[in-house]
Amino acid sequence: MSGIDYLSLVISPVVAIALVLYMNYRFQVKSNKHMINAIIFGLISVVLVLAAQILAESFGLDSLRSLKRTAFYSFVIIGFSSELGKFVFLRYYFLPKENFTGPLDGIIYSILIGLGFATTACILLGFEVIGARVNNLYLFLFGAANIVFAIIMGFFVGLGKSRQNRFIDSMTGLFAATFLHGLYAFSFATRDNRLLILFAIGSIVIVILLSAKAIKIKENDKYNMKE
């Protein structure tokens, strides 16, 4: 592994620690135990994508000989299995918690799960345990990309906390995150720089809009409670 490979391994843990401290300061999120659990669950969630990779190798699905096979591998084997592992913990462990009240809480826990996942996945990718050799840029951006996926999933899962269509909101979060994760992997697999740039621009816009909406909902809830 090169120097930039090793650097990519510490980005996610450092961001996770900084996020915990910031959330405690900005939004008074006092559930440090749950936040630490989220990171641990993220570290564990990589097992699902590892299992999917083993199955893909068994059936020869990791041999990207055509565009269709590359798309299937990127969106299903990598994208769906990665996001499903994170989704299970977010939806079935954190969502029922009393301190989980809406989209912002969903985003916070989802990001921590995502950063835990990215930490383990970067190690496995760097040593070629998952998939073939990936380039330095893929590893370097992997932590940031997983924050994007996490914000999208966390917003919609959290939105379902106070709405009747919780299943639809949860599935929207899962498949939206899966699509973007698959698109990220597909951009690198096909070496399509234009697609990667579009992914980056679109992701930034979506993240800003959803984060702003989540913060607004949180602040409105606090205002309504005071009344």
Protein backbone atom coordinates (compact mmCIF):
# COMPACT_ATOMS: atom_id res chain seq x y z
CA MET A 1 0.00 0.00 0.00
CA SER A 2 1.21 3.49 -0.83
CA GLY A 3 1.27 6.53 1.44
CA ILE A 4 -2.06 7.83 0.15
CA ASP A 5 -3.60 4.37 0.77
CA TYR A 6 -2.58 4.52 4.42
CA LEU A 7 -3.83 8.10 4.65
CA SER A 8 -7.24 7.01 3.38
CA LEU A 9 -7.51 4.53 6.27
CA VAL A 10 -7.40 7.26 8.93
CA ILE A 11 -9.78 9.73 7.26
CA SER A 12 -13.00 7.97 8.29
CA PRO A 13 -12.07 7.44 11.98
CA VAL A 14 -10.90 11.05 12.34
CA VAL A 15 -14.08 12.38 10.72
CA ALA A 16 -16.20 10.14 12.98
CA ILE A 17 -14.54 11.46 16.14
CA ALA A 18 -14.84 15.05 14.95
CA LEU A 19 -18.51 14.49 14.13
CA VAL A 20 -19.29 13.11 17.60
CA LEU A 21 -17.70 16.15 19.21
CA TYR A 22 -19.44 18.58 16.87
CA MET A 23 -22.87 17.00 17.33
CA ASN A 24 -22.50 17.16 21.10
CA TYR A 25 -21.64 20.85 20.81
CA ARG A 26 -24.08 21.94 18.09
CA PHE A 27 -27.16 19.83 18.74
CA GLN A 28 -26.62 18.59 22.31
CA VAL A 29 -26.70 14.95 21.27
CA LYS A 30 -25.90 13.36 24.62
CA SER A 31 -26.29 9.70 23.68
CA ASN A 32 -22.58 8.97 23.36
CA LYS A 33 -23.23 5.28 23.98
CA HIS A 34 -25.55 5.08 20.96
CA MET A 35 -23.12 7.09 18.83
CA ILE A 36 -20.26 4.74 19.69
CA ASN A 37 -22.53 1.77 19.01
CA ALA A 38 -23.29 3.24 15.59
CA ILE A 39 -19.59 3.28 14.70
CA ILE A 40 -19.16 -0.30 15.94
CA PHE A 41 -22.18 -1.47 13.96
CA GLY A 42 -20.71 0.21 10.90
CA LEU A 43 -17.47 -1.70 11.39
CA ILE A 44 -19.49 -4.93 11.54
CA SER A 45 -21.82 -4.13 8.64
CA VAL A 46 -19.05 -4.72 6.11
CA VAL A 47 -19.61 -8.46 6.63
CA LEU A 48 -22.56 -8.36 4.23
CA VAL A 49 -20.61 -6.88 1.32
CA LEU A 50 -17.80 -9.32 2.05
CA ALA A 51 -20.27 -12.22 1.81
CA ALA A 52 -21.68 -10.77 -1.42
CA GLN A 53 -18.16 -10.54 -2.81
CA ILE A 54 -17.46 -14.17 -1.99
CA LEU A 55 -20.68 -15.22 -3.75
CA ALA A 56 -19.82 -13.03 -6.75
CA GLU A 57 -16.42 -14.67 -7.05
CA SER A 58 -18.00 -18.14 -6.76
CA PHE A 59 -20.32 -17.47 -9.70
CA GLY A 60 -17.82 -15.43 -11.72
CA LEU A 61 -19.84 -12.24 -11.38
CA ASP A 62 -16.76 -10.22 -10.44
CA SER A 63 -15.36 -10.66 -13.94
CA LEU A 64 -16.40 -7.38 -15.54
CA ARG A 65 -16.36 -8.42 -19.18
CA SER A 66 -19.29 -6.30 -20.31
CA LEU A 67 -21.10 -3.09 -19.42
CA LYS A 68 -24.14 -5.01 -18.11
CA ARG A 69 -22.00 -7.17 -15.87
CA THR A 70 -20.11 -4.11 -14.62
CA ALA A 71 -23.41 -2.37 -13.82
CA PHE A 72 -24.77 -5.44 -11.99
CA TYR A 73 -21.57 -5.81 -9.99
CA SER A 74 -21.44 -2.10 -9.12
CA PHE A 75 -25.10 -1.57 -8.20
CA VAL A 76 -26.05 -4.96 -6.71
CA ILE A 77 -22.91 -6.68 -5.41
CA ILE A 78 -21.24 -3.51 -4.15
CA GLY A 79 -23.95 -0.87 -3.81
CA PHE A 80 -26.89 -2.86 -2.48
CA SER A 81 -24.98 -5.20 -0.16
CA SER A 82 -23.02 -2.28 1.32
CA GLU A 83 -26.07 -0.14 2.00
CA LEU A 84 -28.26 -3.02 3.18
CA GLY A 85 -25.77 -3.87 5.91
CA LYS A 86 -25.85 -0.28 7.19
CA PHE A 87 -29.61 0.02 6.74
CA VAL A 88 -30.43 -2.96 8.97
CA PHE A 89 -28.73 -1.38 12.00
CA LEU A 90 -30.15 2.09 11.35
CA ARG A 91 -33.72 0.94 10.73
CA TYR A 92 -34.10 -1.83 13.28
CA TYR A 93 -31.79 -0.76 16.11
CA PHE A 94 -31.69 3.03 16.14
CA LEU A 95 -35.04 4.07 14.67
CA PRO A 96 -37.11 2.59 17.55
CA LYS A 97 -35.03 4.50 20.16
CA GLU A 98 -36.83 7.30 22.03
CA ASN A 99 -34.00 9.76 21.38
CA PHE A 100 -34.33 9.10 17.64
CA THR A 101 -36.88 11.77 16.74
CA GLY A 102 -36.48 12.67 13.09
CA PRO A 103 -34.32 13.15 9.98
CA LEU A 104 -31.41 14.86 11.74
CA ASP A 105 -31.01 11.97 14.19
CA GLY A 106 -31.24 9.60 11.24
CA ILE A 107 -28.46 11.50 9.47
CA ILE A 108 -26.23 11.55 12.57
CA TYR A 109 -26.47 7.82 13.28
CA SER A 110 -26.33 6.94 9.59
CA ILE A 111 -23.13 8.94 9.10
CA LEU A 112 -21.49 7.26 12.08
CA ILE A 113 -22.50 3.83 10.78
CA GLY A 114 -21.22 4.82 7.33
CA LEU A 115 -17.87 6.00 8.68
CA GLY A 116 -17.47 2.78 10.65
CA PHE A 117 -18.24 0.85 7.47
CA ALA A 118 -15.81 2.95 5.43
CA THR A 119 -13.01 2.34 7.93
CA THR A 120 -13.27 -1.45 7.65
CA ALA A 121 -14.02 -1.41 3.93
CA CYS A 122 -10.97 0.76 3.16
CA ILE A 123 -8.73 -1.79 4.87
CA LEU A 124 -10.31 -4.66 2.95
CA LEU A 125 -10.16 -2.74 -0.32
CA GLY A 126 -6.59 -1.64 0.26
CA PHE A 127 -5.46 -5.23 0.77
CA GLU A 128 -7.69 -6.44 -2.09
CA VAL A 129 -9.88 -8.60 0.17
CA ILE A 130 -12.96 -7.02 -1.41
CA GLY A 131 -12.86 -6.88 -5.19
CA ALA A 132 -9.96 -6.15 -7.44
CA ARG A 133 -7.33 -3.49 -6.94
CA VAL A 134 -8.90 -0.01 -6.73
CA ASN A 135 -7.06 3.21 -7.45
CA ASN A 136 -5.89 5.72 -4.88
CA LEU A 137 -8.63 8.24 -5.66
CA TYR A 138 -11.35 5.64 -5.00
CA LEU A 139 -9.93 4.95 -1.54
CA PHE A 140 -9.23 8.60 -0.77
CA LEU A 141 -12.81 9.66 -1.56
CA PHE A 142 -14.45 6.58 -0.07
CA GLY A 143 -15.05 8.09 3.38
CA ALA A 144 -16.61 11.26 1.94
CA ALA A 145 -18.72 9.22 -0.48
CA ASN A 146 -20.09 7.15 2.39
CA ILE A 147 -21.10 10.33 4.21
CA VAL A 148 -23.15 11.24 1.13
CA PHE A 149 -24.85 7.83 1.08
CA ALA A 150 -25.44 8.06 4.83
CA ILE A 151 -27.08 11.49 4.71
CA ILE A 152 -29.53 10.35 2.05
CA MET A 153 -30.41 7.11 3.83
CA GLY A 154 -30.53 8.73 7.26
CA PHE A 155 -32.80 11.56 6.15
CA PHE A 156 -35.50 9.31 4.72
CA VAL A 157 -35.31 6.67 7.46
CA GLY A 158 -35.54 9.44 10.05
CA LEU A 159 -38.40 11.08 8.18
CA GLY A 160 -40.42 7.91 8.65
CA LYS A 161 -40.24 8.29 12.45
CA SER A 162 -43.11 10.77 12.52
CA ARG A 163 -45.03 9.66 9.40
CA GLN A 164 -47.44 6.86 8.64
CA ASN A 165 -45.59 5.58 5.56
CA ARG A 166 -42.46 4.47 7.44
CA PHE A 167 -41.88 1.52 5.12
CA ILE A 168 -41.92 3.71 1.99
CA ASP A 169 -39.60 6.28 3.57
CA SER A 170 -37.19 3.54 4.68
CA MET A 171 -37.13 1.89 1.27
CA THR A 172 -36.62 5.28 -0.39
CA GLY A 173 -33.57 5.85 1.80
CA LEU A 174 -32.17 2.38 1.17
CA PHE A 175 -32.54 2.40 -2.60
CA ALA A 176 -31.46 6.03 -3.06
CA ALA A 177 -28.27 5.29 -1.11
CA THR A 178 -27.82 2.05 -3.04
CA PHE A 179 -28.14 3.86 -6.37
CA LEU A 180 -25.56 6.50 -5.48
CA HIS A 181 -23.16 3.93 -4.02
CA GLY A 182 -23.53 1.85 -7.17
CA LEU A 183 -23.01 4.93 -9.34
CA TYR A 184 -19.84 5.75 -7.40
CA ALA A 185 -18.46 2.22 -7.95
CA PHE A 186 -19.62 2.17 -11.58
CA SER A 187 -17.87 5.49 -12.34
CA PHE A 188 -14.54 4.06 -11.23
CA ALA A 189 -15.10 0.62 -12.77
CA THR A 190 -15.73 2.22 -16.17
CA ARG A 191 -13.16 4.99 -15.60
CA ASP A 192 -15.77 7.52 -16.65
CA ASN A 193 -14.51 10.84 -15.25
CA ARG A 194 -17.48 12.81 -16.56
CA LEU A 195 -19.89 10.51 -14.76
CA LEU A 196 -17.81 10.85 -11.58
CA ILE A 197 -17.95 14.65 -11.83
CA LEU A 198 -21.73 14.55 -12.29
CA PHE A 199 -21.97 12.23 -9.31
CA ALA A 200 -19.93 14.65 -7.20
CA ILE A 201 -21.92 17.75 -8.19
CA GLY A 202 -25.28 16.02 -7.77
CA SER A 203 -24.25 14.56 -4.41
CA ILE A 204 -23.18 17.93 -3.05
CA VAL A 205 -26.48 19.55 -4.03
CA ILE A 206 -28.55 16.71 -2.56
CA VAL A 207 -26.56 16.62 0.68
CA ILE A 208 -26.88 20.38 1.21
CA LEU A 209 -30.64 20.35 0.58
CA LEU A 210 -31.38 17.33 2.78
CA SER A 211 -29.10 18.49 5.61
CA ALA A 212 -30.67 21.95 5.63
CA LYS A 213 -34.15 20.42 5.63
CA ALA A 214 -33.26 18.08 8.50
CA ILE A 215 -31.85 20.92 10.61
CA LYS A 216 -34.95 23.03 9.93
CA ILE A 217 -37.24 20.18 11.01
CA LYS A 218 -35.20 19.72 14.21
CA GLU A 219 -35.33 23.42 15.06
CA ASN A 220 -39.08 23.58 14.37
CA ASP A 221 -39.64 20.61 16.68
CA LYS A 222 -37.68 22.35 19.46
CA TYR A 223 -39.71 25.53 18.95
CA ASN A 224 -42.99 23.63 19.07
CA MET A 225 -41.94 21.87 22.27
CA LYS A 226 -41.23 25.22 23.95
CA GLU A 227 -44.71 26.40 23.09
